[in-house]
Every structure is written in C-alpha cells, then in structure tokens.
All heavy atoms as atom14 arrays in JSON, in Angstrom:
{
  "sequence": "FIHCLTIIGQIEGHYILPSQNKTTKYEHVIPQLVA",
  "atom14_mask": [
    [1, 1, 1, 1, 1, 1, 1, 1, 1, 1, 1, 0, 0, 0],
    [1, 1, 1, 1, 1, 1, 1, 1, 0, 0, 0, 0, 0, 0],
    [1, 1, 1, 1, 1, 1, 1, 1, 1, 1, 0, 0, 0, 0],
    [1, 1, 1, 1, 1, 1, 0, 0, 0, 0, 0, 0, 0, 0],
    [1, 1, 1, 1, 1, 1, 1, 1, 0, 0, 0, 0, 0, 0],
    [1, 1, 1, 1, 1, 1, 1, 0, 0, 0, 0, 0, 0, 0],
    [1, 1, 1, 1, 1, 1, 1, 1, 0, 0, 0, 0, 0, 0],
    [1, 1, 1, 1, 1, 1, 1, 1, 0, 0, 0, 0, 0, 0],
    [1, 1, 1, 1, 0, 0, 0, 0, 0, 0, 0, 0, 0, 0],
    [1, 1, 1, 1, 1, 1, 1, 1, 1, 0, 0, 0, 0, 0],
    [1, 1, 1, 1, 1, 1, 1, 1, 0, 0, 0, 0, 0, 0],
    [1, 1, 1, 1, 1, 1, 1, 1, 1, 0, 0, 0, 0, 0],
    [1, 1, 1, 1, 0, 0, 0, 0, 0, 0, 0, 0, 0, 0],
    [1, 1, 1, 1, 1, 1, 1, 1, 1, 1, 0, 0, 0, 0],
    [1, 1, 1, 1, 1, 1, 1, 1, 1, 1, 1, 1, 0, 0],
    [1, 1, 1, 1, 1, 1, 1, 1, 0, 0, 0, 0, 0, 0],
    [1, 1, 1, 1, 1, 1, 1, 1, 0, 0, 0, 0, 0, 0],
    [1, 1, 1, 1, 1, 1, 1, 0, 0, 0, 0, 0, 0, 0],
    [1, 1, 1, 1, 1, 1, 0, 0, 0, 0, 0, 0, 0, 0],
    [1, 1, 1, 1, 1, 1, 1, 1, 1, 0, 0, 0, 0, 0],
    [1, 1, 1, 1, 1, 1, 1, 1, 0, 0, 0, 0, 0, 0],
    [1, 1, 1, 1, 1, 1, 1, 1, 1, 0, 0, 0, 0, 0],
    [1, 1, 1, 1, 1, 1, 1, 0, 0, 0, 0, 0, 0, 0],
    [1, 1, 1, 1, 1, 1, 1, 0, 0, 0, 0, 0, 0, 0],
    [1, 1, 1, 1, 1, 1, 1, 1, 1, 0, 0, 0, 0, 0],
    [1, 1, 1, 1, 1, 1, 1, 1, 1, 1, 1, 1, 0, 0],
    [1, 1, 1, 1, 1, 1, 1, 1, 1, 0, 0, 0, 0, 0],
    [1, 1, 1, 1, 1, 1, 1, 1, 1, 1, 0, 0, 0, 0],
    [1, 1, 1, 1, 1, 1, 1, 0, 0, 0, 0, 0, 0, 0],
    [1, 1, 1, 1, 1, 1, 1, 1, 0, 0, 0, 0, 0, 0],
    [1, 1, 1, 1, 1, 1, 1, 0, 0, 0, 0, 0, 0, 0],
    [1, 1, 1, 1, 1, 1, 1, 1, 1, 0, 0, 0, 0, 0],
    [1, 1, 1, 1, 1, 1, 1, 1, 0, 0, 0, 0, 0, 0],
    [1, 1, 1, 1, 1, 1, 1, 0, 0, 0, 0, 0, 0, 0],
    [1, 1, 1, 1, 1, 0, 0, 0, 0, 0, 0, 0, 0, 0]
  ],
  "atom14_positions": [
    [[10.31, -12.97, 27.4], [10.16, -11.97, 28.45], [8.68, -11.75, 28.72], [7.92, -11.32, 27.85], [10.83, -10.66, 28.04], [12.33, -10.71, 28.13], [13.1, -10.96, 27.01], [12.96, -10.53, 29.36], [14.48, -11.02, 27.1], [14.35, -10.6, 29.46], [15.11, -10.85, 28.32], [0.0, 0.0, 0.0], [0.0, 0.0, 0.0], [0.0, 0.0, 0.0]],
    [[8.28, -12.07, 29.95], [6.88, -11.93, 30.38], [6.81, -10.91, 31.52], [7.56, -11.0, 32.48], [6.32, -13.3, 30.84], [6.26, -14.26, 29.65], [4.93, -13.12, 31.44], [5.88, -15.67, 30.02], [0.0, 0.0, 0.0], [0.0, 0.0, 0.0], [0.0, 0.0, 0.0], [0.0, 0.0, 0.0], [0.0, 0.0, 0.0], [0.0, 0.0, 0.0]],
    [[5.91, -9.97, 31.36], [5.74, -8.94, 32.38], [4.62, -9.35, 33.33], [3.55, -9.79, 32.89], [5.4, -7.6, 31.74], [5.48, -6.44, 32.69], [6.65, -5.77, 32.95], [4.54, -5.85, 33.47], [6.43, -4.8, 33.82], [5.15, -4.84, 34.16], [0.0, 0.0, 0.0], [0.0, 0.0, 0.0], [0.0, 0.0, 0.0], [0.0, 0.0, 0.0]],
    [[4.87, -9.22, 34.62], [3.87, -9.54, 35.65], [3.4, -8.24, 36.3], [4.2, -7.46, 36.8], [4.46, -10.47, 36.69], [3.35, -10.78, 38.09], [0.0, 0.0, 0.0], [0.0, 0.0, 0.0], [0.0, 0.0, 0.0], [0.0, 0.0, 0.0], [0.0, 0.0, 0.0], [0.0, 0.0, 0.0], [0.0, 0.0, 0.0], [0.0, 0.0, 0.0]],
    [[2.1, -8.03, 36.28], [1.5, -6.82, 36.86], [0.44, -7.25, 37.88], [-0.44, -8.05, 37.57], [0.86, -5.97, 35.76], [0.2, -4.66, 36.17], [1.24, -3.68, 36.72], [-0.52, -4.04, 34.98], [0.0, 0.0, 0.0], [0.0, 0.0, 0.0], [0.0, 0.0, 0.0], [0.0, 0.0, 0.0], [0.0, 0.0, 0.0], [0.0, 0.0, 0.0]],
    [[0.54, -6.73, 39.1], [-0.43, -7.09, 40.14], [-1.49, -6.0, 40.3], [-1.18, -4.81, 40.25], [0.26, -7.3, 41.5], [0.99, -6.13, 41.84], [1.21, -8.48, 41.45], [0.0, 0.0, 0.0], [0.0, 0.0, 0.0], [0.0, 0.0, 0.0], [0.0, 0.0, 0.0], [0.0, 0.0, 0.0], [0.0, 0.0, 0.0], [0.0, 0.0, 0.0]],
    [[-2.72, -6.44, 40.46], [-3.83, -5.54, 40.77], [-4.39, -5.99, 42.11], [-5.02, -7.04, 42.21], [-4.91, -5.57, 39.67], [-4.31, -5.08, 38.35], [-6.12, -4.74, 40.07], [-5.28, -5.1, 37.18], [0.0, 0.0, 0.0], [0.0, 0.0, 0.0], [0.0, 0.0, 0.0], [0.0, 0.0, 0.0], [0.0, 0.0, 0.0], [0.0, 0.0, 0.0]],
    [[-4.13, -5.19, 43.14], [-4.46, -5.6, 44.51], [-5.28, -4.54, 45.22], [-5.37, -3.38, 44.78], [-3.18, -5.89, 45.33], [-2.34, -4.62, 45.43], [-2.39, -7.02, 44.72], [-1.22, -4.71, 46.44], [0.0, 0.0, 0.0], [0.0, 0.0, 0.0], [0.0, 0.0, 0.0], [0.0, 0.0, 0.0], [0.0, 0.0, 0.0], [0.0, 0.0, 0.0]],
    [[-5.87, -4.95, 46.34], [-6.59, -4.0, 47.19], [-7.8, -3.42, 46.49], [-8.6, -4.13, 45.89], [0.0, 0.0, 0.0], [0.0, 0.0, 0.0], [0.0, 0.0, 0.0], [0.0, 0.0, 0.0], [0.0, 0.0, 0.0], [0.0, 0.0, 0.0], [0.0, 0.0, 0.0], [0.0, 0.0, 0.0], [0.0, 0.0, 0.0], [0.0, 0.0, 0.0]],
    [[-7.9, -2.11, 46.54], [-9.05, -1.41, 45.96], [-8.6, -0.61, 44.74], [-7.56, 0.05, 44.75], [-9.66, -0.47, 47.0], [-11.06, 0.02, 46.64], [-11.77, 0.62, 47.85], [-11.32, 0.47, 48.98], [-12.87, 1.3, 47.6], [0.0, 0.0, 0.0], [0.0, 0.0, 0.0], [0.0, 0.0, 0.0], [0.0, 0.0, 0.0], [0.0, 0.0, 0.0]],
    [[-9.4, -0.68, 43.67], [-9.09, 0.09, 42.47], [-9.42, 1.55, 42.75], [-10.58, 1.9, 43.0], [-9.9, -0.4, 41.25], [-9.81, -1.92, 41.1], [-9.43, 0.32, 39.99], [-8.44, -2.44, 40.87], [0.0, 0.0, 0.0], [0.0, 0.0, 0.0], [0.0, 0.0, 0.0], [0.0, 0.0, 0.0], [0.0, 0.0, 0.0], [0.0, 0.0, 0.0]],
    [[-8.4, 2.39, 42.71], [-8.6, 3.81, 43.0], [-8.92, 4.56, 41.71], [-8.21, 4.42, 40.71], [-7.34, 4.39, 43.65], [-7.51, 5.81, 44.15], [-6.26, 6.31, 44.87], [-6.16, 6.12, 46.09], [-5.39, 6.87, 44.18], [0.0, 0.0, 0.0], [0.0, 0.0, 0.0], [0.0, 0.0, 0.0], [0.0, 0.0, 0.0], [0.0, 0.0, 0.0]],
    [[-9.99, 5.35, 41.75], [-10.41, 6.11, 40.59], [-10.06, 7.57, 40.67], [-8.92, 7.95, 40.9], [0.0, 0.0, 0.0], [0.0, 0.0, 0.0], [0.0, 0.0, 0.0], [0.0, 0.0, 0.0], [0.0, 0.0, 0.0], [0.0, 0.0, 0.0], [0.0, 0.0, 0.0], [0.0, 0.0, 0.0], [0.0, 0.0, 0.0], [0.0, 0.0, 0.0]],
    [[-11.08, 8.42, 40.54], [-10.86, 9.86, 40.5], [-10.63, 10.46, 41.88], [-10.2, 11.61, 42.0], [-12.06, 10.55, 39.84], [-12.35, 10.04, 38.46], [-11.45, 10.14, 37.43], [-13.43, 9.41, 37.94], [-11.97, 9.6, 36.34], [-13.16, 9.15, 36.63], [0.0, 0.0, 0.0], [0.0, 0.0, 0.0], [0.0, 0.0, 0.0], [0.0, 0.0, 0.0]],
    [[-10.95, 9.72, 42.93], [-10.79, 10.24, 44.29], [-9.73, 9.43, 45.03], [-9.7, 8.2, 44.96], [-12.12, 10.18, 45.05], [-13.2, 11.02, 44.41], [-14.14, 10.45, 43.56], [-13.25, 12.39, 44.65], [-15.12, 11.22, 42.96], [-14.24, 13.18, 44.05], [-15.17, 12.58, 43.21], [-16.12, 13.36, 42.6], [0.0, 0.0, 0.0], [0.0, 0.0, 0.0]],
    [[-8.86, 10.13, 45.74], [-7.79, 9.48, 46.49], [-8.36, 8.81, 47.73], [-9.07, 9.44, 48.52], [-6.7, 10.5, 46.89], [-6.06, 11.11, 45.64], [-5.64, 9.85, 47.76], [-5.07, 12.22, 45.94], [0.0, 0.0, 0.0], [0.0, 0.0, 0.0], [0.0, 0.0, 0.0], [0.0, 0.0, 0.0], [0.0, 0.0, 0.0], [0.0, 0.0, 0.0]],
    [[-8.05, 7.54, 47.91], [-8.53, 6.78, 49.06], [-7.63, 7.03, 50.27], [-6.48, 7.48, 50.12], [-8.58, 5.3, 48.72], [-9.58, 4.9, 47.63], [-9.4, 3.46, 47.23], [-11.01, 5.15, 48.1], [0.0, 0.0, 0.0], [0.0, 0.0, 0.0], [0.0, 0.0, 0.0], [0.0, 0.0, 0.0], [0.0, 0.0, 0.0], [0.0, 0.0, 0.0]],
    [[-8.12, 6.74, 51.47], [-7.29, 6.93, 52.68], [-5.96, 6.18, 52.58], [-5.87, 5.13, 51.95], [-8.17, 6.36, 53.8], [-9.56, 6.5, 53.29], [-9.48, 6.3, 51.81], [0.0, 0.0, 0.0], [0.0, 0.0, 0.0], [0.0, 0.0, 0.0], [0.0, 0.0, 0.0], [0.0, 0.0, 0.0], [0.0, 0.0, 0.0], [0.0, 0.0, 0.0]],
    [[-4.93, 6.72, 53.23], [-3.58, 6.18, 53.11], [-3.45, 4.76, 53.67], [-2.55, 4.02, 53.29], [-2.59, 7.11, 53.83], [-2.95, 7.24, 55.2], [0.0, 0.0, 0.0], [0.0, 0.0, 0.0], [0.0, 0.0, 0.0], [0.0, 0.0, 0.0], [0.0, 0.0, 0.0], [0.0, 0.0, 0.0], [0.0, 0.0, 0.0], [0.0, 0.0, 0.0]],
    [[-4.35, 4.37, 54.58], [-4.25, 3.02, 55.15], [-4.81, 1.94, 54.21], [-4.66, 0.75, 54.46], [-4.97, 2.93, 56.51], [-6.48, 3.09, 56.46], [-6.9, 4.53, 56.68], [-6.11, 5.44, 56.47], [-8.13, 4.74, 57.14], [0.0, 0.0, 0.0], [0.0, 0.0, 0.0], [0.0, 0.0, 0.0], [0.0, 0.0, 0.0], [0.0, 0.0, 0.0]],
    [[-5.46, 2.36, 53.12], [-6.02, 1.41, 52.15], [-4.94, 0.93, 51.18], [-4.14, 1.72, 50.69], [-7.15, 2.05, 51.34], [-8.41, 2.26, 52.16], [-8.33, 2.44, 53.36], [-9.55, 2.24, 51.51], [0.0, 0.0, 0.0], [0.0, 0.0, 0.0], [0.0, 0.0, 0.0], [0.0, 0.0, 0.0], [0.0, 0.0, 0.0], [0.0, 0.0, 0.0]],
    [[-4.95, -0.37, 50.9], [-4.13, -0.9, 49.82], [-4.85, -0.59, 48.52], [-6.02, -0.97, 48.34], [-3.97, -2.42, 49.96], [-2.96, -2.85, 50.99], [-1.55, -2.75, 50.43], [-0.53, -3.35, 51.4], [0.83, -3.21, 50.9], [0.0, 0.0, 0.0], [0.0, 0.0, 0.0], [0.0, 0.0, 0.0], [0.0, 0.0, 0.0], [0.0, 0.0, 0.0]],
    [[-4.19, 0.1, 47.59], [-4.87, 0.52, 46.37], [-4.05, 0.22, 45.12], [-2.83, 0.1, 45.17], [-5.17, 2.03, 46.39], [-3.94, 2.76, 46.45], [-6.04, 2.4, 47.58], [0.0, 0.0, 0.0], [0.0, 0.0, 0.0], [0.0, 0.0, 0.0], [0.0, 0.0, 0.0], [0.0, 0.0, 0.0], [0.0, 0.0, 0.0], [0.0, 0.0, 0.0]],
    [[-4.77, 0.11, 44.02], [-4.17, 0.08, 42.68], [-4.66, 1.32, 41.97], [-5.86, 1.5, 41.77], [-4.58, -1.18, 41.9], [-4.07, -2.33, 42.57], [-4.04, -1.14, 40.49], [0.0, 0.0, 0.0], [0.0, 0.0, 0.0], [0.0, 0.0, 0.0], [0.0, 0.0, 0.0], [0.0, 0.0, 0.0], [0.0, 0.0, 0.0], [0.0, 0.0, 0.0]],
    [[-3.75, 2.19, 41.59], [-4.12, 3.47, 40.98], [-4.17, 3.32, 39.46], [-3.19, 2.95, 38.83], [-3.12, 4.55, 41.37], [-3.02, 4.78, 42.88], [-1.97, 5.83, 43.2], [-1.77, 5.96, 44.71], [-2.95, 6.5, 45.39], [0.0, 0.0, 0.0], [0.0, 0.0, 0.0], [0.0, 0.0, 0.0], [0.0, 0.0, 0.0], [0.0, 0.0, 0.0]],
    [[-5.32, 3.63, 38.88], [-5.48, 3.39, 37.45], [-4.59, 4.3, 36.61], [-4.18, 3.92, 35.51], [-6.96, 3.52, 37.05], [-7.46, 4.92, 36.78], [-7.82, 5.31, 35.49], [-7.59, 5.86, 37.79], [-8.3, 6.58, 35.23], [-8.06, 7.13, 37.53], [-8.42, 7.49, 36.25], [-8.88, 8.75, 35.99], [0.0, 0.0, 0.0], [0.0, 0.0, 0.0]],
    [[-4.24, 5.47, 37.14], [-3.35, 6.36, 36.38], [-1.92, 5.83, 36.33], [-1.11, 6.3, 35.53], [-3.38, 7.78, 36.95], [-2.7, 7.97, 38.3], [-3.65, 7.76, 39.47], [-4.65, 7.05, 39.3], [-3.38, 8.31, 40.56], [0.0, 0.0, 0.0], [0.0, 0.0, 0.0], [0.0, 0.0, 0.0], [0.0, 0.0, 0.0], [0.0, 0.0, 0.0]],
    [[-1.61, 4.85, 37.2], [-0.3, 4.19, 37.14], [-0.34, 2.98, 36.22], [0.62, 2.7, 35.5], [0.13, 3.73, 38.54], [0.42, 4.86, 39.48], [0.72, 4.67, 40.81], [0.47, 6.2, 39.29], [0.92, 5.84, 41.4], [0.77, 6.77, 40.49], [0.0, 0.0, 0.0], [0.0, 0.0, 0.0], [0.0, 0.0, 0.0], [0.0, 0.0, 0.0]],
    [[-1.46, 2.26, 36.25], [-1.57, 1.02, 35.48], [-1.7, 1.3, 33.98], [-1.07, 0.62, 33.15], [-2.78, 0.19, 35.97], [-3.0, -1.03, 35.07], [-2.59, -0.25, 37.41], [0.0, 0.0, 0.0], [0.0, 0.0, 0.0], [0.0, 0.0, 0.0], [0.0, 0.0, 0.0], [0.0, 0.0, 0.0], [0.0, 0.0, 0.0], [0.0, 0.0, 0.0]],
    [[-2.49, 2.29, 33.61], [-2.75, 2.55, 32.19], [-1.47, 2.85, 31.41], [-1.24, 2.26, 30.35], [-3.8, 3.68, 32.02], [-5.19, 3.14, 32.44], [-3.84, 4.21, 30.6], [-6.29, 4.18, 32.45], [0.0, 0.0, 0.0], [0.0, 0.0, 0.0], [0.0, 0.0, 0.0], [0.0, 0.0, 0.0], [0.0, 0.0, 0.0], [0.0, 0.0, 0.0]],
    [[-0.59, 3.75, 31.88], [0.66, 3.97, 31.14], [1.53, 2.72, 31.05], [2.23, 2.51, 30.05], [1.36, 5.08, 31.94], [0.29, 5.74, 32.72], [-0.69, 4.67, 33.02], [0.0, 0.0, 0.0], [0.0, 0.0, 0.0], [0.0, 0.0, 0.0], [0.0, 0.0, 0.0], [0.0, 0.0, 0.0], [0.0, 0.0, 0.0], [0.0, 0.0, 0.0]],
    [[1.5, 1.88, 32.1], [2.27, 0.65, 32.06], [1.78, -0.27, 30.95], [2.57, -0.9, 30.25], [2.2, -0.07, 33.41], [2.98, 0.6, 34.51], [2.98, -0.24, 35.78], [3.58, -1.32, 35.83], [2.31, 0.23, 36.8], [0.0, 0.0, 0.0], [0.0, 0.0, 0.0], [0.0, 0.0, 0.0], [0.0, 0.0, 0.0], [0.0, 0.0, 0.0]],
    [[0.45, -0.36, 30.8], [-0.12, -1.22, 29.76], [0.25, -0.71, 28.37], [0.55, -1.5, 27.47], [-1.64, -1.29, 29.91], [-2.17, -1.96, 31.17], [-3.69, -1.96, 31.18], [-1.64, -3.38, 31.31], [0.0, 0.0, 0.0], [0.0, 0.0, 0.0], [0.0, 0.0, 0.0], [0.0, 0.0, 0.0], [0.0, 0.0, 0.0], [0.0, 0.0, 0.0]],
    [[0.25, 0.6, 28.2], [0.65, 1.18, 26.91], [2.12, 0.85, 26.63], [2.48, 0.46, 25.5], [0.43, 2.71, 26.91], [0.97, 3.33, 25.62], [-1.06, 3.05, 27.08], [0.0, 0.0, 0.0], [0.0, 0.0, 0.0], [0.0, 0.0, 0.0], [0.0, 0.0, 0.0], [0.0, 0.0, 0.0], [0.0, 0.0, 0.0], [0.0, 0.0, 0.0]],
    [[2.97, 0.99, 27.64], [4.4, 0.71, 27.47], [4.63, -0.76, 27.16], [5.48, -1.11, 26.31], [5.15, 1.1, 28.74], [0.0, 0.0, 0.0], [0.0, 0.0, 0.0], [0.0, 0.0, 0.0], [0.0, 0.0, 0.0], [0.0, 0.0, 0.0], [0.0, 0.0, 0.0], [0.0, 0.0, 0.0], [0.0, 0.0, 0.0], [0.0, 0.0, 0.0]]
  ]
}
C-alpha cells in the first residue's frame, strides 16, 4: 500500500491566499504525514 500525496500550486502558510489561487495548505498536509 503506497500513499500518493500531491503538492501543487502555491504553498499556503499563515495567511489565506485569494480563492482563485491553486494552493496546498500546510495545516492539511502535516496531519496527513503524521497519519
């Protein structure tokens, strides 16, 4: 079993980027990596 995780667009940090931007939210990725 291999998990595939995509990191696309712009890495979003402490500030929310405009809705038209494709983003990867680090607060979503970090819990996934722990799991």
